[in-house]
Amino acid sequence: MCYATAQNKTISELEKAMNAIARLPEFLDDDDLQRHHINGFAKHHMNGGKKVAEHPIMLVQPQENPKFLTPIMWGLIPRWEKGE
């Protein structure tokens, strides 16, 4: 797994390229998922900073159900971190 990545495409561009439909919770929109630098250790601020996730949220196309793009929380947890 890599430490950093990017997500420059809009949701509609991803849906077209992957031939899938994005299933997003109400609190996520295009602006929340489109990022030029995504750090595996960083928090993810959404809705203008009103909501915060512990790690960045990315869209994936699950192998079990490739018809959909599903948001997941992606990040790295250092070995010295304790708990969840």
C-alpha atoms as a PDB file:
ATOM      1  CA  MET A   1       0.000   0.000   0.000  1.00  0.00           C
ATOM      2  CA  CYS A   2       1.221   3.483  -0.762  1.00  0.00           C
ATOM      3  CA  TYR A   3       1.528   6.386   1.679  1.00  0.00           C
ATOM      4  CA  ALA A   4      -0.001   9.060  -0.573  1.00  0.00           C
ATOM      5  CA  THR A   5      -2.314   9.153  -3.570  1.00  0.00           C
ATOM      6  CA  ALA A   6      -4.638  11.539  -5.457  1.00  0.00           C
ATOM      7  CA  GLN A   7      -8.237  11.584  -6.675  1.00  0.00           C
ATOM      8  CA  ASN A   8      -8.610  14.221  -9.410  1.00  0.00           C
ATOM      9  CA  LYS A   9     -11.697  12.937 -11.226  1.00  0.00           C
ATOM     10  CA  THR A  10     -15.268  13.951 -10.454  1.00  0.00           C
ATOM     11  CA  ILE A  11     -17.726  11.303  -9.342  1.00  0.00           C
ATOM     12  CA  SER A  12     -19.490  11.365 -12.730  1.00  0.00           C
ATOM     13  CA  GLU A  13     -16.137  10.881 -14.532  1.00  0.00           C
ATOM     14  CA  LEU A  14     -15.349   7.900 -12.288  1.00  0.00           C
ATOM     15  CA  GLU A  15     -18.807   6.383 -12.853  1.00  0.00           C
ATOM     16  CA  LYS A  16     -18.349   6.623 -16.620  1.00  0.00           C
ATOM     17  CA  ALA A  17     -14.757   5.288 -16.613  1.00  0.00           C
ATOM     18  CA  MET A  18     -15.531   2.392 -14.266  1.00  0.00           C
ATOM     19  CA  ASN A  19     -19.025   1.667 -15.673  1.00  0.00           C
ATOM     20  CA  ALA A  20     -20.418   1.791 -12.144  1.00  0.00           C
ATOM     21  CA  ILE A  21     -22.724   3.874  -9.943  1.00  0.00           C
ATOM     22  CA  ALA A  22     -21.402   5.720  -6.895  1.00  0.00           C
ATOM     23  CA  ARG A  23     -23.364   5.025  -3.706  1.00  0.00           C
ATOM     24  CA  LEU A  24     -22.615   7.898  -1.345  1.00  0.00           C
ATOM     25  CA  PRO A  25     -23.926   8.732   2.116  1.00  0.00           C
ATOM     26  CA  GLU A  26     -25.725  12.074   2.443  1.00  0.00           C
ATOM     27  CA  PHE A  27     -22.764  13.848   4.020  1.00  0.00           C
ATOM     28  CA  LEU A  28     -20.408  13.226   1.053  1.00  0.00           C
ATOM     29  CA  ASP A  29     -20.357  15.110  -2.233  1.00  0.00           C
ATOM     30  CA  ASP A  30     -17.977  15.636  -5.169  1.00  0.00           C
ATOM     31  CA  ASP A  31     -15.984  18.321  -3.365  1.00  0.00           C
ATOM     32  CA  ASP A  32     -15.338  15.997  -0.418  1.00  0.00           C
ATOM     33  CA  LEU A  33     -13.840  13.228  -2.571  1.00  0.00           C
ATOM     34  CA  GLN A  34     -11.852  15.208  -5.155  1.00  0.00           C
ATOM     35  CA  ARG A  35      -8.339  15.748  -3.716  1.00  0.00           C
ATOM     36  CA  HIS A  36      -4.985  16.473  -5.335  1.00  0.00           C
ATOM     37  CA  HIS A  37      -2.909  15.063  -2.479  1.00  0.00           C
ATOM     38  CA  ILE A  38      -4.241  12.426  -0.103  1.00  0.00           C
ATOM     39  CA  ASN A  39      -2.016  11.489   2.817  1.00  0.00           C
ATOM     40  CA  GLY A  40      -2.490   8.113   4.522  1.00  0.00           C
ATOM     41  CA  PHE A  41      -2.051   9.664   7.994  1.00  0.00           C
ATOM     42  CA  ALA A  42      -4.247  12.757   7.497  1.00  0.00           C
ATOM     43  CA  LYS A  43      -7.760  13.442   8.741  1.00  0.00           C
ATOM     44  CA  HIS A  44     -10.464  14.035   6.110  1.00  0.00           C
ATOM     45  CA  HIS A  45     -12.510  17.244   6.482  1.00  0.00           C
ATOM     46  CA  MET A  46     -15.937  17.260   4.821  1.00  0.00           C
ATOM     47  CA  ASN A  47     -18.787  19.750   4.416  1.00  0.00           C
ATOM     48  CA  GLY A  48     -16.498  22.738   4.876  1.00  0.00           C
ATOM     49  CA  GLY A  49     -14.939  21.238   8.013  1.00  0.00           C
ATOM     50  CA  LYS A  50     -18.236  20.425   9.744  1.00  0.00           C
ATOM     51  CA  LYS A  51     -17.517  16.660   9.610  1.00  0.00           C
ATOM     52  CA  VAL A  52     -14.140  15.009  10.155  1.00  0.00           C
ATOM     53  CA  ALA A  53     -13.091  11.402   9.496  1.00  0.00           C
ATOM     54  CA  GLU A  54      -9.968   9.879  11.060  1.00  0.00           C
ATOM     55  CA  HIS A  55      -8.549   9.008   7.621  1.00  0.00           C
ATOM     56  CA  PRO A  56      -9.241  10.053   3.997  1.00  0.00           C
ATOM     57  CA  ILE A  57     -12.358   8.680   2.314  1.00  0.00           C
ATOM     58  CA  MET A  58     -11.854   7.177  -1.148  1.00  0.00           C
ATOM     59  CA  LEU A  59     -14.152   5.477  -3.654  1.00  0.00           C
ATOM     60  CA  VAL A  60     -13.418   1.842  -4.497  1.00  0.00           C
ATOM     61  CA  GLN A  61     -15.012  -0.630  -6.869  1.00  0.00           C
ATOM     62  CA  PRO A  62     -15.513  -3.775  -4.774  1.00  0.00           C
ATOM     63  CA  GLN A  63     -14.643  -7.043  -6.468  1.00  0.00           C
ATOM     64  CA  GLU A  64     -17.761  -8.625  -4.924  1.00  0.00           C
ATOM     65  CA  ASN A  65     -20.091  -6.017  -6.467  1.00  0.00           C
ATOM     66  CA  PRO A  66     -18.379  -4.092  -9.312  1.00  0.00           C
ATOM     67  CA  LYS A  67     -21.608  -2.319 -10.325  1.00  0.00           C
ATOM     68  CA  PHE A  68     -21.052   0.194  -7.526  1.00  0.00           C
ATOM     69  CA  LEU A  69     -18.375   2.609  -6.339  1.00  0.00           C
ATOM     70  CA  THR A  70     -18.319   2.490  -2.553  1.00  0.00           C
ATOM     71  CA  PRO A  71     -16.691   4.974  -0.143  1.00  0.00           C
ATOM     72  CA  ILE A  72     -14.132   3.531   2.270  1.00  0.00           C
ATOM     73  CA  MET A  73     -11.866   5.078   4.872  1.00  0.00           C
ATOM     74  CA  TRP A  74      -8.272   4.643   3.693  1.00  0.00           C
ATOM     75  CA  GLY A  75      -5.258   5.240   5.858  1.00  0.00           C
ATOM     76  CA  LEU A  76      -2.199   3.960   7.593  1.00  0.00           C
ATOM     77  CA  ILE A  77      -2.032   3.144  11.272  1.00  0.00           C
ATOM     78  CA  PRO A  78       1.474   3.311  12.714  1.00  0.00           C
ATOM     79  CA  ARG A  79       2.636   0.266  14.682  1.00  0.00           C
ATOM     80  CA  TRP A  80       3.052   2.347  17.854  1.00  0.00           C
ATOM     81  CA  GLU A  81      -0.653   3.371  17.832  1.00  0.00           C
ATOM     82  CA  LYS A  82      -2.745   1.551  20.451  1.00  0.00           C
ATOM     83  CA  GLY A  83      -6.471   0.798  20.373  1.00  0.00           C
ATOM     84  CA  GLU A  84      -8.887   1.047  17.423  1.00  0.00           C
END
